[in-house]
Protein backbone atom coordinates (compact mmCIF):
# COMPACT_ATOMS: atom_id res chain seq x y z
CA UNK A 1 4.66 128.55 64.99
CA UNK A 2 4.89 129.31 61.75
CA UNK A 3 4.18 126.95 59.26
CA UNK A 4 5.17 127.54 55.61
CA UNK A 5 3.13 125.91 52.81
CA UNK A 6 4.33 122.28 52.52
CA UNK A 7 1.91 119.95 51.45
CA UNK A 8 1.71 116.14 53.63
CA UNK A 9 -0.27 113.73 52.88
CA UNK A 10 -2.18 115.70 50.44
CA UNK A 11 -3.06 118.50 53.81
CA UNK A 12 -1.55 122.14 53.38
CA UNK A 13 0.38 121.98 56.41
CA UNK A 14 -0.11 126.34 56.58
CA UNK A 15 -3.55 125.70 56.87
CA UNK A 16 -4.31 123.12 59.70
CA UNK A 17 -7.31 123.99 61.56
CA UNK A 18 -6.63 124.88 65.82
CA UNK A 19 -9.52 124.50 68.25
CA UNK A 20 -9.80 125.86 71.04
CA UNK A 21 -10.05 123.94 74.75
CA UNK A 22 -13.64 124.87 75.19
CA UNK A 23 -14.75 123.85 72.16
CA UNK A 24 -11.87 120.39 72.43
CA UNK A 25 -14.22 119.29 75.71
CA UNK A 26 -17.56 119.48 73.78
CA UNK A 27 -16.28 117.75 71.24
CA UNK A 28 -14.94 115.16 73.34
CA UNK A 29 -18.28 114.57 75.07
CA UNK A 30 -19.99 114.15 71.52
CA UNK A 31 -17.50 111.54 70.47
CA UNK A 32 -18.09 109.70 74.22
CA UNK A 33 -21.75 109.48 73.01
CA UNK A 34 -20.45 108.29 69.22
CA UNK A 35 -21.03 111.19 67.07
CA UNK A 36 -18.71 110.65 64.13
CA UNK A 37 -18.41 114.11 63.35
CA UNK A 38 -17.28 115.39 66.42
CA UNK A 39 -14.67 112.74 66.70
CA UNK A 40 -13.26 114.09 63.07
CA UNK A 41 -13.53 117.48 63.99
CA UNK A 42 -11.10 116.82 66.92
CA UNK A 43 -8.66 114.53 64.70
CA UNK A 44 -8.52 117.74 62.51
CA UNK A 45 -8.35 120.01 64.98
CA UNK A 46 -5.59 118.36 66.73
CA UNK A 47 -3.40 117.41 62.97
CA UNK A 48 -0.88 119.84 64.65
CA UNK A 49 -0.07 118.12 67.18
CA UNK A 50 1.41 115.17 65.00
CA UNK A 51 3.15 117.80 62.94
CA UNK A 52 5.04 119.06 65.92
CA UNK A 53 5.94 115.37 67.28
CA UNK A 54 7.06 114.26 63.61
CA UNK A 55 9.34 116.84 62.96
CA UNK A 56 11.26 115.85 65.41
CA UNK A 57 12.30 112.61 63.48
CA UNK A 58 12.48 113.51 59.69
CA UNK A 59 15.91 113.85 58.30
CA UNK A 60 17.38 110.82 60.66
CA UNK A 61 18.70 107.53 59.16
CA UNK A 62 20.55 107.44 55.14
CA UNK A 63 18.90 105.93 52.01
CA UNK A 64 16.92 103.39 52.88
CA UNK A 65 16.50 104.19 56.50
CA UNK A 66 15.01 107.55 56.21
CA UNK A 67 11.46 107.70 57.20
CA UNK A 68 8.82 109.75 54.30
CA UNK A 69 7.51 112.44 55.89
CA UNK A 70 3.70 111.23 54.22
CA UNK A 71 4.27 107.76 56.49
CA UNK A 72 5.39 109.51 59.48
CA UNK A 73 2.42 111.86 59.49
CA UNK A 74 -0.18 109.45 58.52
CA UNK A 75 0.99 107.04 61.78
CA UNK A 76 1.40 110.12 63.85
CA UNK A 77 -2.25 110.47 62.93
CA UNK A 78 -2.69 106.65 64.12
CA UNK A 79 -1.83 107.67 67.53
CA UNK A 80 -3.65 110.81 67.76
CA UNK A 81 -6.91 108.92 66.94
CA UNK A 82 -6.10 106.71 69.54
CA UNK A 83 -5.57 108.99 72.05
CA UNK A 84 -8.60 110.89 71.34
CA UNK A 85 -10.66 107.56 71.22
CA UNK A 86 -9.16 106.41 74.71
CA UNK A 87 -9.55 109.85 76.87
CA UNK A 88 -11.34 109.79 80.01
CA UNK A 89 -13.29 113.06 80.21
CA UNK A 90 -12.96 112.71 83.94
CA UNK A 91 -9.31 113.31 83.84
CA UNK A 92 -7.93 116.68 84.96
CA UNK A 93 -5.77 116.85 81.66
CA UNK A 94 -6.15 118.55 78.58
CA UNK A 95 -6.23 116.43 75.21
CA UNK A 96 -2.88 117.69 73.46
CA UNK A 97 -0.92 116.78 77.27
CA UNK A 98 -2.38 112.84 76.77
CA UNK A 99 -2.55 112.82 73.03
CA UNK A 100 1.20 113.70 72.41
CA UNK A 101 3.08 110.47 74.54
CA UNK A 102 0.33 108.80 72.17
CA UNK A 103 1.19 110.08 68.93
CA UNK A 104 5.46 110.23 69.71
CA UNK A 105 5.13 106.32 70.94
CA UNK A 106 3.53 105.19 67.46
CA UNK A 107 6.13 107.17 65.66
CA UNK A 108 8.64 105.82 67.72
CA UNK A 109 7.55 102.23 66.52
CA UNK A 110 7.68 102.69 63.55
CA UNK A 111 11.06 104.68 63.33
CA UNK A 112 12.24 101.06 65.29
CA UNK A 113 11.72 99.40 61.07
CA UNK A 114 14.35 102.41 60.04
CA UNK A 115 17.21 101.31 62.54
CA UNK A 116 20.34 101.02 60.83
CA UNK A 117 21.39 99.22 64.08
CA UNK A 118 20.04 95.86 64.21
CA UNK A 119 18.39 94.55 67.85
CA UNK A 120 17.70 91.00 68.38
CA UNK A 121 13.89 90.40 68.46
CA UNK A 122 13.50 89.28 71.68
CA UNK A 123 14.99 93.05 73.03
CA UNK A 124 12.41 94.41 70.30
CA UNK A 125 10.02 92.42 71.56
CA UNK A 126 10.75 93.75 75.32
CA UNK A 127 11.11 97.42 74.50
CA UNK A 128 7.71 96.82 73.15
CA UNK A 129 6.12 96.11 76.04
CA UNK A 130 8.06 98.36 77.99
CA UNK A 131 7.31 101.34 76.02
CA UNK A 132 3.38 100.64 75.83
CA UNK A 133 3.30 99.78 79.76
CA UNK A 134 5.11 103.79 80.03
CA UNK A 135 2.83 105.14 77.82
CA UNK A 136 -0.28 103.09 79.88
CA UNK A 137 1.14 104.48 83.41
CA UNK A 138 1.72 107.77 82.25
CA UNK A 139 -2.15 108.02 81.26
CA UNK A 140 -2.89 106.73 84.32
CA UNK A 141 -0.66 108.35 86.99
CA UNK A 142 -0.22 111.86 84.93
CA UNK A 143 3.21 111.70 85.63
CA UNK A 144 6.48 109.85 83.60
CA UNK A 145 7.06 105.76 85.21
CA UNK A 146 9.82 104.66 87.12
CA UNK A 147 11.95 102.01 85.60
CA UNK A 148 11.21 100.00 88.83
CA UNK A 149 7.30 100.40 88.11
CA UNK A 150 8.04 99.90 84.34
CA UNK A 151 9.45 96.44 85.33
CA UNK A 152 6.92 95.47 87.64
CA UNK A 153 3.92 96.06 85.39
CA UNK A 154 5.59 94.21 82.59
CA UNK A 155 7.18 91.31 84.79
CA UNK A 156 10.61 91.81 83.82
CA UNK A 157 13.68 92.48 85.63
CA UNK A 158 15.12 95.83 85.56
CA UNK A 159 18.04 95.27 84.15
CA UNK A 160 16.28 93.55 80.88
CA UNK A 161 13.84 96.35 81.19
CA UNK A 162 17.08 99.24 80.92
CA UNK A 163 19.24 96.57 77.97
CA UNK A 164 15.99 96.60 76.14
CA UNK A 165 15.14 100.72 75.77
CA UNK A 166 18.58 101.18 75.43
CA UNK A 167 18.84 98.78 72.64
CA UNK A 168 15.52 100.60 71.52
CA UNK A 169 16.92 104.15 71.26
CA UNK A 170 17.73 105.92 68.14
CA UNK A 171 21.55 106.49 67.32
CA UNK A 172 22.92 110.03 67.16
CA UNK A 173 25.57 111.92 65.45
CA UNK A 174 28.31 113.18 68.20
CA UNK A 175 27.47 116.63 66.67
CA UNK A 176 23.59 116.52 68.26
CA UNK A 177 23.06 119.71 69.47
CA UNK A 178 22.15 119.20 72.99
CA UNK A 179 21.63 123.16 74.16
CA UNK A 180 21.50 126.46 72.65
CA UNK A 181 21.63 129.53 73.91
CA UNK A 182 22.59 133.29 72.69
CA UNK A 183 24.57 131.48 69.52
CA UNK A 184 26.53 128.90 71.79
CA UNK A 185 25.39 125.69 70.97
CA UNK A 186 26.52 122.45 73.40
CA UNK A 187 26.69 119.03 71.68
CA UNK A 188 26.98 115.81 72.43
CA UNK A 189 30.57 115.80 71.77
CA UNK A 190 31.55 118.53 74.40
CA UNK A 191 29.44 116.49 77.01
CA UNK A 192 31.31 113.13 76.11
CA UNK A 193 34.32 114.88 76.03
CA UNK A 194 34.50 115.96 79.77
CA UNK A 195 37.26 114.15 81.91
CA UNK A 196 35.14 114.57 85.18
CA UNK A 197 32.92 111.71 84.14
CA UNK A 198 31.73 110.94 88.06
CA UNK A 199 30.95 114.55 88.52
CA UNK A 200 29.14 114.82 85.72
CA UNK A 201 26.82 111.47 86.82
CA UNK A 202 26.40 112.82 90.34
CA UNK A 203 25.04 116.25 89.09
CA UNK A 204 22.78 114.24 86.47
CA UNK A 205 21.59 112.37 88.98
CA UNK A 206 21.15 115.85 91.39
CA UNK A 207 19.53 117.30 88.06
CA UNK A 208 16.69 114.37 87.80
CA UNK A 209 15.93 114.22 91.30
CA UNK A 210 15.85 118.11 91.91
CA UNK A 211 13.38 117.84 88.23
CA UNK A 212 11.03 115.19 90.43
CA UNK A 213 10.09 117.43 93.11
CA UNK A 214 9.28 120.69 91.04
CA UNK A 215 5.09 120.61 90.72
CA UNK A 216 3.45 119.29 87.28
CA UNK A 217 3.42 122.17 85.53
CA UNK A 218 6.82 123.24 85.84
CA UNK A 219 7.70 119.51 85.00
CA UNK A 220 5.87 119.46 81.69
CA UNK A 221 7.26 123.04 80.72
CA UNK A 222 10.79 122.13 81.10
CA UNK A 223 9.86 118.78 79.23
CA UNK A 224 8.73 120.74 76.65
CA UNK A 225 11.49 122.86 76.20
CA UNK A 226 13.97 121.30 76.53
CA UNK A 227 13.42 117.64 75.78
CA UNK A 228 10.68 118.22 73.14
CA UNK A 229 12.57 121.32 71.87
CA UNK A 230 9.33 123.68 71.61
CA UNK A 231 9.87 127.58 71.77
CA UNK A 232 8.20 129.43 74.44
CA UNK A 233 5.32 130.46 72.38
CA UNK A 234 4.85 127.04 71.30
CA UNK A 235 4.20 126.00 75.02
CA UNK A 236 2.01 128.82 76.01
CA UNK A 237 -0.17 127.95 73.01
CA UNK A 238 -0.07 124.07 74.04
CA UNK A 239 -1.03 124.69 77.74
CA UNK A 240 -3.14 127.59 77.74
CA UNK A 241 -1.08 130.16 79.05
CA UNK A 242 0.56 133.22 78.04
CA UNK A 243 4.44 133.55 76.86
CA UNK A 244 5.42 135.32 79.57
CA UNK A 245 3.78 133.39 82.12
CA UNK A 246 6.13 130.34 80.32
CA UNK A 247 9.38 132.72 80.75
CA UNK A 248 8.60 133.33 84.34
CA UNK A 249 8.08 129.50 85.06
CA UNK A 250 10.69 128.30 83.32
CA UNK A 251 12.82 130.71 85.27
CA UNK A 252 11.43 129.56 88.38
CA UNK A 253 11.71 126.01 87.76
CA UNK A 254 15.49 126.50 86.55
CA UNK A 255 16.16 128.44 89.43
CA UNK A 256 14.84 125.79 92.22
CA UNK A 257 16.94 123.06 90.61
CA UNK A 258 19.84 125.30 91.61
CA UNK A 259 18.39 125.58 94.72
CA UNK A 260 18.22 122.46 95.56
CA UNK A 261 21.81 120.58 93.62
CA UNK A 262 23.77 123.55 95.96
CA UNK A 263 21.88 123.45 99.15
C-alpha cells in the first residue's frame, strides 16, 4: 500500500516504520521481560495496522456523528498496545493477526458514541459484553466463535445476543459497494432488490458452511480480501507470503467453496 504524506496525531503516515516477523518475535520476548524500549519499538513498528483498520471508519456519519481521524488513530493505538501487552509468545500466530481484532474492537467501541441511531443502554451493554467475549474466544481458539458460544460465555440467551449485536452494528448506505470486479460494482441495494429471498438465504448458509470447512490460512485470506477490503499485496505483506501465493490460495478457496455448494 502506498501512503501519501498525511499527518495523523502528529505522525507522518508516509514514514511509518515496518518491522519484520523475526524482529517482532525478539521484541515480544524482551517485552515479557519488562523492556519498555522494546515495547515502544513494537508499537511504532505496527502503527500501519492501526492506520489500515481506522481507514475503514473514516467518513462514516455526518456532522457531529463524524469521527475525527486523530481520535480514531489514538483509539486504535490503544487496541494495539493491549494486543502487545496481552500477546502470548507461545501462540503459533503472528502479532498482526492477533492485533487486528483488538484494534478493530477498540475502534468499534469508540464509534458507538457517534451512532446516529440511539440504542438502549441494556442492548449496548450486552453488545459490549458479547464483543469482548468474541475477541477473547477468537484469541483463545484462533477462529471466530459462533453466536451460541458467545451466548454461553456471557450467560445470555442466543436471541438476545443476536439482537444486541445487530443493534450495535453501524448503519450503511444502500449504495454501499459490496463487491467490485473489472469495473462492475455490486451495491447493497442490488442484493436487497433480489426477489429470490429464500434462495439467497439458502446460498448464504451454504457459503458460510463451506467457508468454515476451509483451512485456516485460506479463511484468513478471504476475510482480509473480502471483509476487510485488503488488496492481495497488502494481504501478502501481512501474512508473510508472496502476492502470487495469495492469488493462488484465494482462487483455490473460492473454487473449493463453489465445489462444496454445487455438490
